[in-house]
Amino acid sequence: MWKRLTDSGGIRHWLGRRLAGYLRLLGRTTRLVAEPADYADWLDVKGPYVLALWHGQHFITPLGIPPGTKAAVMISRSADGDINAIAAEAMGVRTVRASGGLLPHQIKKRGGARGLIEAMRLLRDGYHFAVTADVPKGPAKVVGPGIIALARHAGFPILPVAMATTYSITLPSWDSAALNLPFGRMALVIGEPMTIPADLADDAVAALQAELAARLDAATLRARQLARR
């Protein structure tokens, strides 16, 4: 049913605009609690960063971006991705339509290489660039190699980011996506940045993927604690 519904470009555009409207409502009806509290003051001074987050938390990411901050996000070239991209652009976030994969043929099919090049260009132009660290469609909460490659080749550190709200509904999707609800707290937690050396040995990539996963899991746990305190 959902697939048939989103076959129409007009319906996808309508849904994307409605999603943007809902995000604005969510921003007006929740109280943002950030850790560190002064992140808006140093984000642009110390950046730009590759912003890493888990799938399932990505819907509310635009609400954590301080006003006036240049930000972009990578979104898959799918029907659901069209809806998310329309919403993100309506919220003032630039989009790159691509996604990664675990195997070479997946990366090629999803435009991963071209997306990597565009992401590096935007980072060098001063944009923070948000990437979901786990690749669609899973396994969820497992860091793929793409985000490490982006930070390595672009020369910018990775900043682990997690967001949560007091009230939410977990959807029956591969990433257990959260449908965030209004009237509560919205928590934003930023972990310590990870610098990826340009001369990184191939056999060291897996260890960095595991380290980033651990930092994202810790940030996610902390965000949920702050939101539901």
Protein backbone atom coordinates (compact mmCIF):
# COMPACT_ATOMS: atom_id res chain seq x y z
CA MET A 1 0.00 0.00 0.00
CA TRP A 2 2.73 2.48 1.01
CA LYS A 3 4.77 1.67 -2.09
CA ARG A 4 1.80 2.25 -4.41
CA LEU A 5 0.99 5.49 -2.62
CA THR A 6 4.53 6.88 -2.97
CA ASP A 7 4.82 5.96 -6.66
CA SER A 8 3.39 9.40 -7.40
CA GLY A 9 5.89 12.26 -7.37
CA GLY A 10 3.11 14.68 -6.46
CA ILE A 11 2.16 12.65 -3.41
CA ARG A 12 5.82 12.39 -2.35
CA HIS A 13 6.14 16.18 -2.60
CA TRP A 14 2.95 16.66 -0.56
CA LEU A 15 4.15 14.22 2.10
CA GLY A 16 7.57 15.90 2.26
CA ARG A 17 6.00 19.32 2.86
CA ARG A 18 3.71 17.85 5.52
CA LEU A 19 6.72 16.24 7.20
CA ALA A 20 8.50 19.61 7.27
CA GLY A 21 5.41 21.18 8.82
CA TYR A 22 5.29 18.47 11.46
CA LEU A 23 8.96 19.02 12.29
CA ARG A 24 8.32 22.72 12.80
CA LEU A 25 5.43 21.84 15.11
CA LEU A 26 7.68 19.45 17.00
CA GLY A 27 10.31 22.17 17.38
CA ARG A 28 7.74 24.60 18.80
CA THR A 29 6.21 22.13 21.25
CA THR A 30 9.34 20.50 22.70
CA ARG A 31 12.12 21.97 24.82
CA LEU A 32 15.61 21.37 23.47
CA VAL A 33 18.13 20.07 26.00
CA ALA A 34 21.67 19.83 24.61
CA GLU A 35 24.84 18.25 25.88
CA PRO A 36 27.16 20.11 25.67
CA ALA A 37 24.84 23.07 26.21
CA ASP A 38 27.11 25.51 24.33
CA TYR A 39 27.41 23.41 21.15
CA ALA A 40 25.90 26.17 19.00
CA ASP A 41 28.74 28.53 20.00
CA TRP A 42 31.60 26.30 18.83
CA LEU A 43 30.08 24.14 16.11
CA ASP A 44 31.02 26.50 13.27
CA VAL A 45 34.19 27.77 14.96
CA LYS A 46 35.72 24.30 15.26
CA GLY A 47 34.04 22.73 12.23
CA PRO A 48 33.00 21.79 9.71
CA TYR A 49 32.34 18.23 10.81
CA VAL A 50 31.08 15.00 9.37
CA LEU A 51 28.00 14.52 11.56
CA ALA A 52 27.40 10.83 12.26
CA LEU A 53 24.03 9.50 13.42
CA TRP A 54 22.15 6.24 13.43
CA HIS A 55 19.29 5.49 11.06
CA GLY A 56 15.99 5.85 12.89
CA GLN A 57 16.97 9.13 14.56
CA HIS A 58 17.50 11.07 11.35
CA PHE A 59 14.02 12.58 10.95
CA ILE A 60 14.52 15.24 13.65
CA THR A 61 18.15 16.09 12.84
CA PRO A 62 17.26 19.47 11.23
CA LEU A 63 15.86 20.63 14.59
CA GLY A 64 19.31 20.32 16.18
CA ILE A 65 21.03 22.59 13.66
CA PRO A 66 21.55 26.13 15.01
CA PRO A 67 20.02 28.95 12.92
CA GLY A 68 22.41 30.25 10.27
CA THR A 69 24.56 27.11 10.27
CA LYS A 70 25.42 25.68 6.85
CA ALA A 71 24.40 22.03 6.86
CA ALA A 72 23.85 19.28 4.32
CA VAL A 73 22.76 15.66 4.54
CA MET A 74 23.05 12.52 2.43
CA ILE A 75 19.69 10.92 1.63
CA SER A 76 19.07 7.77 -0.38
CA ARG A 77 17.66 7.82 -3.93
CA SER A 78 14.42 6.08 -2.99
CA ALA A 79 10.76 7.05 -2.72
CA ASP A 80 11.05 7.42 1.05
CA GLY A 81 14.27 9.35 0.46
CA ASP A 82 12.38 11.78 -1.80
CA ILE A 83 9.99 12.57 1.05
CA ASN A 84 12.84 13.06 3.53
CA ALA A 85 14.80 15.20 1.06
CA ILE A 86 11.85 17.51 0.37
CA ALA A 87 11.34 17.95 4.12
CA ALA A 88 15.05 18.59 4.77
CA GLU A 89 15.30 21.21 2.03
CA ALA A 90 12.16 22.92 3.31
CA MET A 91 13.94 23.13 6.69
CA GLY A 92 16.98 24.80 5.10
CA VAL A 93 19.25 21.76 4.85
CA ARG A 94 20.97 20.95 1.54
CA THR A 95 20.74 17.39 0.30
CA VAL A 96 22.96 14.97 -1.63
CA ARG A 97 21.02 12.06 -3.09
CA ALA A 98 23.10 8.94 -2.57
CA SER A 99 23.75 6.21 -0.04
CA GLY A 100 26.43 3.71 0.79
CA GLY A 101 26.56 -0.06 0.94
CA LEU A 102 28.56 -2.94 2.28
CA LEU A 103 29.44 -4.36 -1.14
CA PRO A 104 30.91 -2.62 -4.23
CA HIS A 105 27.86 -3.27 -6.44
CA GLN A 106 25.59 -1.73 -3.77
CA ILE A 107 27.73 1.40 -3.58
CA LYS A 108 27.69 1.77 -7.37
CA LYS A 109 23.93 1.25 -7.66
CA ARG A 110 23.17 3.74 -4.88
CA GLY A 111 25.48 6.48 -6.19
CA GLY A 112 27.84 6.19 -3.22
CA ALA A 113 31.02 7.27 -5.05
CA ARG A 114 29.41 10.34 -6.58
CA GLY A 115 27.82 11.18 -3.22
CA LEU A 116 31.23 10.96 -1.55
CA ILE A 117 32.69 13.48 -4.00
CA GLU A 118 29.77 15.89 -3.53
CA ALA A 119 30.00 15.55 0.26
CA MET A 120 33.71 16.41 0.21
CA ARG A 121 33.00 19.49 -1.90
CA LEU A 122 30.37 20.74 0.53
CA LEU A 123 32.59 20.11 3.56
CA ARG A 124 35.36 22.15 1.93
CA ASP A 125 32.79 24.88 1.28
CA GLY A 126 32.13 25.07 5.01
CA TYR A 127 29.05 22.85 5.33
CA HIS A 128 28.60 20.40 8.17
CA PHE A 129 27.67 17.14 6.46
CA ALA A 130 25.33 14.64 8.13
CA VAL A 131 25.57 10.95 7.30
CA THR A 132 23.78 7.94 8.76
CA ALA A 133 26.62 5.67 9.85
CA ASP A 134 24.72 2.43 9.24
CA VAL A 135 23.83 1.68 5.62
CA PRO A 136 20.33 0.97 4.32
CA LYS A 137 18.81 -1.59 4.71
CA GLY A 138 20.95 -2.81 7.52
CA PRO A 139 22.23 -4.33 9.55
CA ALA A 140 21.06 -1.54 11.83
CA LYS A 141 23.47 0.11 14.28
CA VAL A 142 26.52 -1.29 12.45
CA VAL A 143 28.85 1.36 11.06
CA GLY A 144 29.57 0.97 7.36
CA PRO A 145 32.89 1.90 5.73
CA GLY A 146 31.53 4.94 3.85
CA ILE A 147 31.57 7.46 6.69
CA ILE A 148 35.15 6.53 7.60
CA ALA A 149 36.18 6.96 3.95
CA LEU A 150 34.47 10.37 3.77
CA ALA A 151 36.23 11.73 6.86
CA ARG A 152 39.54 10.22 5.77
CA HIS A 153 39.54 11.68 2.25
CA ALA A 154 37.89 15.00 3.11
CA GLY A 155 40.17 15.64 6.07
CA PHE A 156 37.43 16.60 8.57
CA PRO A 157 36.65 14.92 11.92
CA ILE A 158 33.55 12.85 12.63
CA LEU A 159 31.19 14.16 15.30
CA PRO A 160 28.87 11.49 16.82
CA VAL A 161 25.34 12.91 17.24
CA ALA A 162 22.21 11.45 18.83
CA MET A 163 18.72 12.86 19.31
CA ALA A 164 15.66 11.64 21.21
CA THR A 165 12.35 12.97 22.46
CA THR A 166 10.41 12.25 25.63
CA TYR A 167 7.57 10.70 23.67
CA SER A 168 7.94 8.60 20.54
CA ILE A 169 6.56 5.58 18.75
CA THR A 170 8.93 2.90 17.42
CA LEU A 171 7.99 2.01 13.86
CA PRO A 172 8.22 -1.59 12.52
CA SER A 173 11.04 -0.73 10.09
CA TRP A 174 14.47 -2.30 9.60
CA ASP A 175 16.05 0.55 11.60
CA SER A 176 13.34 0.71 14.31
CA ALA A 177 12.79 4.33 13.35
CA ALA A 178 11.32 6.66 15.96
CA LEU A 179 8.20 8.69 15.22
CA ASN A 180 8.91 11.56 17.58
CA LEU A 181 5.94 13.16 19.33
CA PRO A 182 5.45 16.69 20.72
CA PHE A 183 5.01 18.03 24.25
CA GLY A 184 8.14 16.99 26.07
CA ARG A 185 11.90 17.36 25.84
CA MET A 186 14.07 16.97 22.79
CA ALA A 187 17.57 15.90 23.73
CA LEU A 188 20.63 16.43 21.56
CA VAL A 189 23.89 14.78 22.61
CA ILE A 190 27.21 15.33 20.82
CA GLY A 191 30.11 13.00 21.52
CA GLU A 192 33.83 13.61 21.26
CA PRO A 193 35.08 14.16 17.70
CA MET A 194 37.01 11.40 15.93
CA THR A 195 39.89 12.36 13.66
CA ILE A 196 40.53 9.86 10.86
CA PRO A 197 44.15 9.94 9.63
CA ALA A 198 44.69 10.30 5.89
CA ASP A 199 47.31 7.52 5.96
CA LEU A 200 44.96 5.09 7.68
CA ALA A 201 45.90 1.48 6.98
CA ASP A 202 43.14 -0.66 5.47
CA ASP A 203 43.33 -3.15 8.33
CA ALA A 204 42.64 -0.34 10.86
CA VAL A 205 39.26 0.67 9.38
CA ALA A 206 37.26 -1.99 11.23
CA ALA A 207 38.54 -0.80 14.60
CA LEU A 208 37.45 2.77 13.85
CA GLN A 209 34.03 1.54 12.72
CA ALA A 210 33.63 -0.26 16.05
CA GLU A 211 34.82 2.81 17.97
CA LEU A 212 32.33 5.07 16.19
CA ALA A 213 29.52 2.58 16.85
CA ALA A 214 30.38 2.59 20.56
CA ARG A 215 30.34 6.40 20.66
CA LEU A 216 27.01 6.58 18.84
CA ASP A 217 25.48 3.98 21.17
CA ALA A 218 26.69 5.94 24.21
CA ALA A 219 25.34 9.21 22.81
CA THR A 220 22.00 7.55 22.02
CA LEU A 221 21.68 6.15 25.55
CA ARG A 222 22.51 9.56 27.04
CA ALA A 223 20.02 11.36 24.75
CA ARG A 224 17.24 9.00 25.83
CA GLN A 225 18.12 9.56 29.48
CA LEU A 226 18.00 13.34 29.08
CA ALA A 227 14.75 13.26 27.10
CA ARG A 228 12.93 11.05 29.59
CA ARG A 229 14.35 12.42 32.82
